[in-house]
């Protein structure tokens, strides 16, 4: 089976994280969020994908290449000018010749795609939208279905006054190749254009309600929550490394950790890190690859990206860091990033 992965977005709501990093490459437990999507696709017998690219495309192609290293065949569709979600798919029409899946490069989910595809085929659907019940009703697209799960109404990102359901569009779709008949060769959007058209034409479109984990890594708070959910096992993801004895800390290869370091609760440490004397790594912390943490620093509930140096006696709480942290600097709920 094949899949289309949306990876062209600018990631405005994730700035400053996305000034120098495309949204699908945002690290989550020291792997790009899109890599977790690829792992789930492989699990459900998807062997070939195509990604549409626009923002900082070389960051994605340099990391994934042709996909052999990751056990999946990866192709790319570069968009010099953004074509919209459905328009980007139409550009890849020749890639698909049977039932296929569409997923977002910045979504995090362990959805059972095998069961979802079985539902789609059983309903003989042209298109199936995967839905999820959520506590927050806004700002996702909302959908109403009849007793057979056929879609009877859809509103993309409604205002509060028009919210009438707690069941939202996850941006995960299953299509038949016939779908390309309904997508023009220009800018076109799934939510605003394609789904309303299919509904108006009374095409066989259905909704599959998933019970698995799903979140949209669309803003800073959702990004933090996705990492916390993964750390505390609300979703099971592949994490590189092994647990340090008598701790809940997973550490990857090549690290030098002083014996005086104190670990509290759950944390993840990447490759080739150096952690000095009397450092405290407190619960909820993810430390990237090639990070240096100097003596007497304290880090709690924070996300440290690759190649960062954290100075002596620094204090970081509930922060995301991608620059050098000076000695004795204390930050709570901060974003330490280069602004370009």
Protein backbone atom coordinates (compact mmCIF):
# COMPACT_ATOMS: atom_id res chain seq x y z
CA UNK A 1 0.00 0.00 0.00
CA UNK A 2 1.05 3.60 -0.60
CA UNK A 3 0.61 6.82 1.36
CA UNK A 4 0.82 10.57 0.82
CA UNK A 5 2.36 12.60 3.65
CA UNK A 6 1.71 16.32 3.90
CA UNK A 7 5.08 17.89 4.68
CA UNK A 8 5.00 21.28 2.92
CA UNK A 9 3.58 23.47 5.68
CA UNK A 10 5.31 26.63 6.89
CA UNK A 11 4.56 25.99 10.58
CA UNK A 12 3.70 29.58 11.50
CA UNK A 13 2.06 28.64 14.80
CA UNK A 14 5.20 26.77 15.90
CA UNK A 15 7.56 29.72 15.51
CA UNK A 16 10.30 30.25 16.61
CA UNK A 17 10.82 26.47 16.47
CA UNK A 18 10.22 26.43 12.70
CA UNK A 19 12.40 29.34 11.60
CA UNK A 20 15.24 26.94 10.79
CA UNK A 21 13.46 23.59 11.04
CA UNK A 22 10.55 22.44 8.83
CA UNK A 23 7.51 21.48 10.88
CA UNK A 24 7.64 17.72 10.15
CA UNK A 25 11.27 17.65 11.38
CA UNK A 26 10.47 19.03 14.84
CA UNK A 27 12.13 16.54 17.23
CA UNK A 28 9.92 14.37 19.40
CA UNK A 29 11.86 12.01 21.68
CA UNK A 30 14.92 12.77 19.52
CA UNK A 31 13.34 11.70 16.24
CA UNK A 32 11.53 13.96 13.77
CA UNK A 33 7.79 13.77 14.36
CA UNK A 34 7.34 12.60 10.75
CA UNK A 35 9.60 9.60 11.46
CA UNK A 36 7.07 8.35 14.00
CA UNK A 37 4.41 8.62 11.28
CA UNK A 38 6.58 6.58 8.92
CA UNK A 39 7.09 3.92 11.60
CA UNK A 40 3.34 3.55 12.05
CA UNK A 41 2.77 3.36 8.29
CA UNK A 42 5.37 0.58 8.02
CA UNK A 43 3.68 -1.29 10.86
CA UNK A 44 0.51 -1.40 8.75
CA UNK A 45 2.16 -2.64 5.56
CA UNK A 46 2.66 0.69 3.79
CA UNK A 47 5.87 0.19 1.82
CA UNK A 48 6.01 3.36 -0.30
CA UNK A 49 5.22 7.01 0.44
CA UNK A 50 5.45 10.36 -1.29
CA UNK A 51 5.90 13.62 0.64
CA UNK A 52 5.11 17.07 -0.69
CA UNK A 53 7.80 19.59 0.24
CA UNK A 54 8.06 23.38 0.26
CA UNK A 55 9.61 24.85 3.40
CA UNK A 56 13.31 24.00 3.90
CA UNK A 57 12.93 20.84 1.78
CA UNK A 58 16.61 19.89 1.97
CA UNK A 59 16.32 19.35 5.73
CA UNK A 60 13.84 16.55 5.03
CA UNK A 61 15.51 15.02 1.96
CA UNK A 62 18.98 15.06 3.55
CA UNK A 63 17.68 13.22 6.61
CA UNK A 64 15.46 10.59 4.97
CA UNK A 65 17.00 10.19 1.51
CA UNK A 66 15.31 7.41 -0.44
CA UNK A 67 14.07 5.83 2.79
CA UNK A 68 16.11 2.60 2.62
CA UNK A 69 17.71 3.37 5.98
CA UNK A 70 14.21 3.59 7.47
CA UNK A 71 12.80 0.50 5.77
CA UNK A 72 10.36 2.31 3.50
CA UNK A 73 10.53 3.71 -0.04
CA UNK A 74 10.33 7.53 0.08
CA UNK A 75 9.59 9.82 -2.87
CA UNK A 76 9.26 13.61 -2.93
CA UNK A 77 7.11 16.20 -4.68
CA UNK A 78 8.57 19.71 -4.48
CA UNK A 79 6.11 22.59 -4.57
CA UNK A 80 7.76 25.87 -5.55
CA UNK A 81 4.39 27.48 -4.87
CA UNK A 82 2.09 25.90 -2.31
CA UNK A 83 -0.77 24.00 -3.92
CA UNK A 84 -2.91 23.40 -0.84
CA UNK A 85 -3.44 20.04 0.81
CA UNK A 86 -5.57 18.51 -1.97
CA UNK A 87 -3.71 20.34 -4.74
CA UNK A 88 -0.45 18.86 -3.47
CA UNK A 89 -2.00 15.42 -3.63
CA UNK A 90 -3.25 15.99 -7.21
CA UNK A 91 0.31 16.77 -8.31
CA UNK A 92 1.21 13.21 -7.24
CA UNK A 93 -1.68 11.56 -9.10
CA UNK A 94 0.53 9.19 -11.12
CA UNK A 95 1.99 7.73 -7.92
CA UNK A 96 -1.31 6.13 -6.85
CA UNK A 97 -3.08 3.23 -8.58
CA UNK A 98 -5.11 1.69 -5.73
CA UNK A 99 -6.52 2.49 -2.27
CA UNK A 100 -4.12 4.85 -0.46
CA UNK A 101 -3.70 6.76 2.82
CA UNK A 102 -3.13 10.46 3.45
CA UNK A 103 -1.48 11.58 6.69
CA UNK A 104 -0.11 14.81 8.09
CA UNK A 105 3.64 15.10 8.61
CA UNK A 106 3.11 16.93 11.90
CA UNK A 107 0.41 14.68 13.36
CA UNK A 108 1.24 12.21 16.12
CA UNK A 109 -0.79 9.01 16.25
CA UNK A 110 -0.61 5.26 16.70
CA UNK A 111 -3.80 4.74 14.69
CA UNK A 112 -4.61 1.18 13.63
CA UNK A 113 -4.48 1.91 9.89
CA UNK A 114 -5.17 -1.71 8.97
CA UNK A 115 -8.58 -1.60 10.65
CA UNK A 116 -9.32 1.84 9.18
CA UNK A 117 -8.60 0.62 5.64
CA UNK A 118 -10.75 -2.48 6.22
CA UNK A 119 -13.62 -0.17 7.27
CA UNK A 120 -13.12 1.94 4.14
CA UNK A 121 -13.26 -1.07 1.85
CA UNK A 122 -16.22 -2.65 3.62
CA UNK A 123 -18.20 0.57 3.12
CA UNK A 124 -17.08 0.72 -0.53
CA UNK A 125 -16.20 4.34 0.14
CA UNK A 126 -14.66 6.77 -2.29
CA UNK A 127 -13.21 8.64 0.67
CA UNK A 128 -12.97 7.96 4.40
CA UNK A 129 -12.18 10.62 6.98
CA UNK A 130 -10.68 9.48 10.29
CA UNK A 131 -12.33 11.16 13.28
CA UNK A 132 -11.42 11.44 16.94
CA UNK A 133 -13.42 12.49 19.99
CA UNK A 134 -11.61 15.30 21.83
CA UNK A 135 -12.27 17.45 24.88
CA UNK A 136 -11.48 20.67 23.04
CA UNK A 137 -13.93 21.29 20.20
CA UNK A 138 -12.02 24.12 18.50
CA UNK A 139 -10.18 24.79 16.12
CA UNK A 140 -10.39 21.44 14.32
CA UNK A 141 -12.84 20.60 11.54
CA UNK A 142 -15.98 18.94 12.87
CA UNK A 143 -18.08 16.28 11.26
CA UNK A 144 -21.57 14.77 11.58
CA UNK A 145 -22.46 11.27 10.41
CA UNK A 146 -25.58 9.14 10.13
CA UNK A 147 -26.08 5.69 11.70
CA UNK A 148 -24.01 4.02 8.99
CA UNK A 149 -21.10 6.44 9.54
CA UNK A 150 -21.79 8.18 6.25
CA UNK A 151 -20.78 11.84 6.43
CA UNK A 152 -23.78 14.19 6.31
CA UNK A 153 -22.16 17.49 7.31
CA UNK A 154 -18.70 18.96 7.74
CA UNK A 155 -17.45 22.34 8.92
CA UNK A 156 -13.73 23.15 8.59
CA UNK A 157 -12.38 24.98 11.67
CA UNK A 158 -15.71 26.47 12.81
CA UNK A 159 -16.31 29.46 15.02
CA UNK A 160 -17.45 28.80 18.57
CA UNK A 161 -21.03 29.62 17.59
CA UNK A 162 -21.17 26.80 15.04
CA UNK A 163 -19.49 24.08 17.10
CA UNK A 164 -21.98 21.24 17.54
CA UNK A 165 -19.82 18.14 17.92
CA UNK A 166 -16.86 16.85 19.93
CA UNK A 167 -15.81 14.64 17.01
CA UNK A 168 -13.06 16.23 14.92
CA UNK A 169 -11.21 15.66 11.68
CA UNK A 170 -7.71 14.27 12.30
CA UNK A 171 -6.47 14.97 8.78
CA UNK A 172 -6.01 11.22 8.19
CA UNK A 173 -7.83 10.10 5.05
CA UNK A 174 -8.25 6.98 2.94
CA UNK A 175 -9.01 7.48 -0.74
CA UNK A 176 -9.65 5.57 -3.93
CA UNK A 177 -7.78 6.81 -7.05
CA UNK A 178 -11.12 8.02 -8.42
CA UNK A 179 -10.74 10.95 -5.99
CA UNK A 180 -8.50 12.73 -8.49
CA UNK A 181 -11.55 13.37 -10.72
CA UNK A 182 -12.77 15.85 -8.12
CA UNK A 183 -9.51 17.77 -7.54
CA UNK A 184 -8.58 20.49 -10.06
CA UNK A 185 -5.02 21.23 -11.18
CA UNK A 186 -4.49 24.27 -8.98
CA UNK A 187 -4.60 25.33 -5.33
CA UNK A 188 -7.19 23.16 -3.57
CA UNK A 189 -7.81 22.31 0.07
CA UNK A 190 -9.22 19.14 1.63
CA UNK A 191 -11.28 20.83 4.32
CA UNK A 192 -12.49 23.97 2.56
CA UNK A 193 -12.91 22.55 -0.95
CA UNK A 194 -12.78 18.80 -1.50
CA UNK A 195 -14.90 17.40 1.33
CA UNK A 196 -17.72 19.97 0.85
CA UNK A 197 -17.71 19.15 -2.89
CA UNK A 198 -17.95 15.39 -2.26
CA UNK A 199 -20.77 16.00 0.21
CA UNK A 200 -22.67 18.21 -2.23
CA UNK A 201 -22.28 15.59 -4.98
CA UNK A 202 -23.56 12.92 -2.57
CA UNK A 203 -20.52 10.72 -3.11
CA UNK A 204 -19.96 7.71 -0.81
CA UNK A 205 -17.86 9.37 1.89
CA UNK A 206 -17.61 7.85 5.34
CA UNK A 207 -16.15 8.58 8.76
CA UNK A 208 -14.03 6.16 10.76
CA UNK A 209 -13.96 6.91 14.49
CA UNK A 210 -10.57 6.01 15.91
CA UNK A 211 -9.99 5.01 19.53
CA UNK A 212 -6.21 5.29 19.31
CA UNK A 213 -3.99 8.20 20.32
CA UNK A 214 -3.91 11.29 18.12
CA UNK A 215 -2.74 14.87 18.51
CA UNK A 216 -1.86 17.65 16.10
CA UNK A 217 1.61 19.09 16.76
CA UNK A 218 0.39 22.45 15.50
CA UNK A 219 1.50 24.87 18.21
CA UNK A 220 3.92 25.05 21.13
CA UNK A 221 1.47 23.75 23.75
CA UNK A 222 0.45 20.78 21.59
CA UNK A 223 4.11 20.02 20.90
CA UNK A 224 4.89 19.96 24.62
CA UNK A 225 1.81 17.83 25.31
CA UNK A 226 2.74 15.33 22.61
CA UNK A 227 6.17 14.83 24.17
CA UNK A 228 4.68 14.49 27.65
CA UNK A 229 2.14 11.95 26.39
CA UNK A 230 4.92 9.91 24.77
CA UNK A 231 7.11 10.06 27.88
CA UNK A 232 4.28 8.95 30.12
CA UNK A 233 3.10 6.16 27.81
CA UNK A 234 -0.17 7.58 26.46
CA UNK A 235 1.29 6.63 23.10
CA UNK A 236 3.98 4.02 22.54
CA UNK A 237 6.80 5.29 20.31
CA UNK A 238 10.16 3.92 19.32
CA UNK A 239 12.85 5.44 21.58
CA UNK A 240 16.55 4.88 20.87
CA UNK A 241 18.62 3.79 23.87
CA UNK A 242 18.43 1.77 27.08
CA UNK A 243 17.27 2.53 30.59
CA UNK A 244 19.86 3.52 33.15
CA UNK A 245 19.75 0.99 35.99
CA UNK A 246 17.35 1.87 38.82
CA UNK A 247 15.97 4.88 36.93
CA UNK A 248 13.23 5.72 34.44
CA UNK A 249 15.74 7.44 32.16
CA UNK A 250 16.46 6.15 28.66
CA UNK A 251 19.92 7.06 27.37
CA UNK A 252 21.32 6.54 23.88
CA UNK A 253 24.86 5.50 22.94
CA UNK A 254 28.14 7.40 23.42
CA UNK A 255 27.18 9.45 26.49
CA UNK A 256 29.50 10.48 29.32
CA UNK A 257 27.47 10.99 32.49
CA UNK A 258 29.17 11.88 35.76
CA UNK A 259 28.35 9.53 38.63
CA UNK A 260 27.08 12.47 40.72
CA UNK A 261 24.24 13.26 38.29
CA UNK A 262 20.83 12.96 39.92
CA UNK A 263 17.89 11.60 37.92
CA UNK A 264 14.29 12.21 39.01
CA UNK A 265 11.39 10.59 37.16
CA UNK A 266 11.15 9.99 33.43
CA UNK A 267 13.58 11.47 30.92
CA UNK A 268 15.23 10.70 27.57
CA UNK A 269 18.86 11.49 26.66
CA UNK A 270 20.20 11.38 23.08
CA UNK A 271 23.51 10.24 21.62
CA UNK A 272 27.00 11.50 22.53
CA UNK A 273 25.92 13.76 25.39
CA UNK A 274 28.23 14.92 28.16
CA UNK A 275 26.68 15.65 31.55
CA UNK A 276 28.85 17.15 34.30
CA UNK A 277 29.02 16.98 38.08
CA UNK A 278 25.99 17.45 40.34
CA UNK A 279 23.60 18.01 37.43
CA UNK A 280 19.91 17.30 38.14
CA UNK A 281 17.80 15.87 35.31
CA UNK A 282 14.24 16.10 36.58
CA UNK A 283 11.09 14.44 35.25
CA UNK A 284 9.64 15.28 31.84
CA UNK A 285 12.97 16.24 30.27
CA UNK A 286 14.15 15.27 26.78
CA UNK A 287 17.79 15.98 25.92
CA UNK A 288 18.85 15.86 22.26
CA UNK A 289 22.01 14.50 20.64
CA UNK A 290 25.51 15.97 21.23
CA UNK A 291 24.34 18.09 24.18
CA UNK A 292 26.77 19.31 26.85
CA UNK A 293 25.40 20.04 30.31
CA UNK A 294 27.95 21.62 32.59
CA UNK A 295 28.31 21.24 36.36
CA UNK A 296 25.47 22.02 38.79
CA UNK A 297 22.81 22.68 36.15
CA UNK A 298 19.18 21.75 36.83
CA UNK A 299 16.78 20.82 34.04
CA UNK A 300 13.13 19.92 34.62
CA UNK A 301 10.23 19.32 32.23
CA UNK A 302 12.23 20.81 29.36
CA UNK A 303 13.09 19.95 25.76
CA UNK A 304 16.72 20.44 24.76
CA UNK A 305 17.42 20.19 21.03
CA UNK A 306 20.62 18.82 19.45
CA UNK A 307 24.08 20.36 19.91
CA UNK A 308 23.12 22.67 22.78
CA UNK A 309 25.57 23.67 25.53
CA UNK A 310 24.06 24.42 28.93
CA UNK A 311 26.28 26.44 31.25
CA UNK A 312 27.19 25.87 34.88
CA UNK A 313 24.48 26.49 37.48
CA UNK A 314 21.88 27.11 34.78
CA UNK A 315 18.25 26.45 35.71
CA UNK A 316 15.73 25.41 33.04
CA UNK A 317 12.11 24.68 33.88
CA UNK A 318 9.35 23.87 31.34
CA UNK A 319 11.41 25.37 28.52
CA UNK A 320 12.44 24.54 24.93
CA UNK A 321 16.07 25.29 24.09
CA UNK A 322 18.05 25.42 20.84
CA UNK A 323 20.87 27.87 21.71
CA UNK A 324 23.76 28.02 24.14
CA UNK A 325 22.61 28.71 27.69
CA UNK A 326 24.93 31.00 29.70
CA UNK A 327 26.19 30.15 33.17
CA UNK A 328 23.73 30.85 36.01
CA UNK A 329 20.83 31.72 33.69
CA UNK A 330 17.42 30.73 35.10
CA UNK A 331 14.46 30.30 32.73
CA UNK A 332 10.89 29.20 33.42
CA UNK A 333 8.47 28.38 30.60
CA UNK A 334 10.84 29.92 28.06
CA UNK A 335 11.70 29.50 24.38
CA UNK A 336 15.44 29.95 23.85
CA UNK A 337 15.88 30.05 20.08
CA UNK A 338 17.69 32.09 17.47
CA UNK A 339 15.30 34.59 15.91
CA UNK A 340 16.14 35.30 12.26
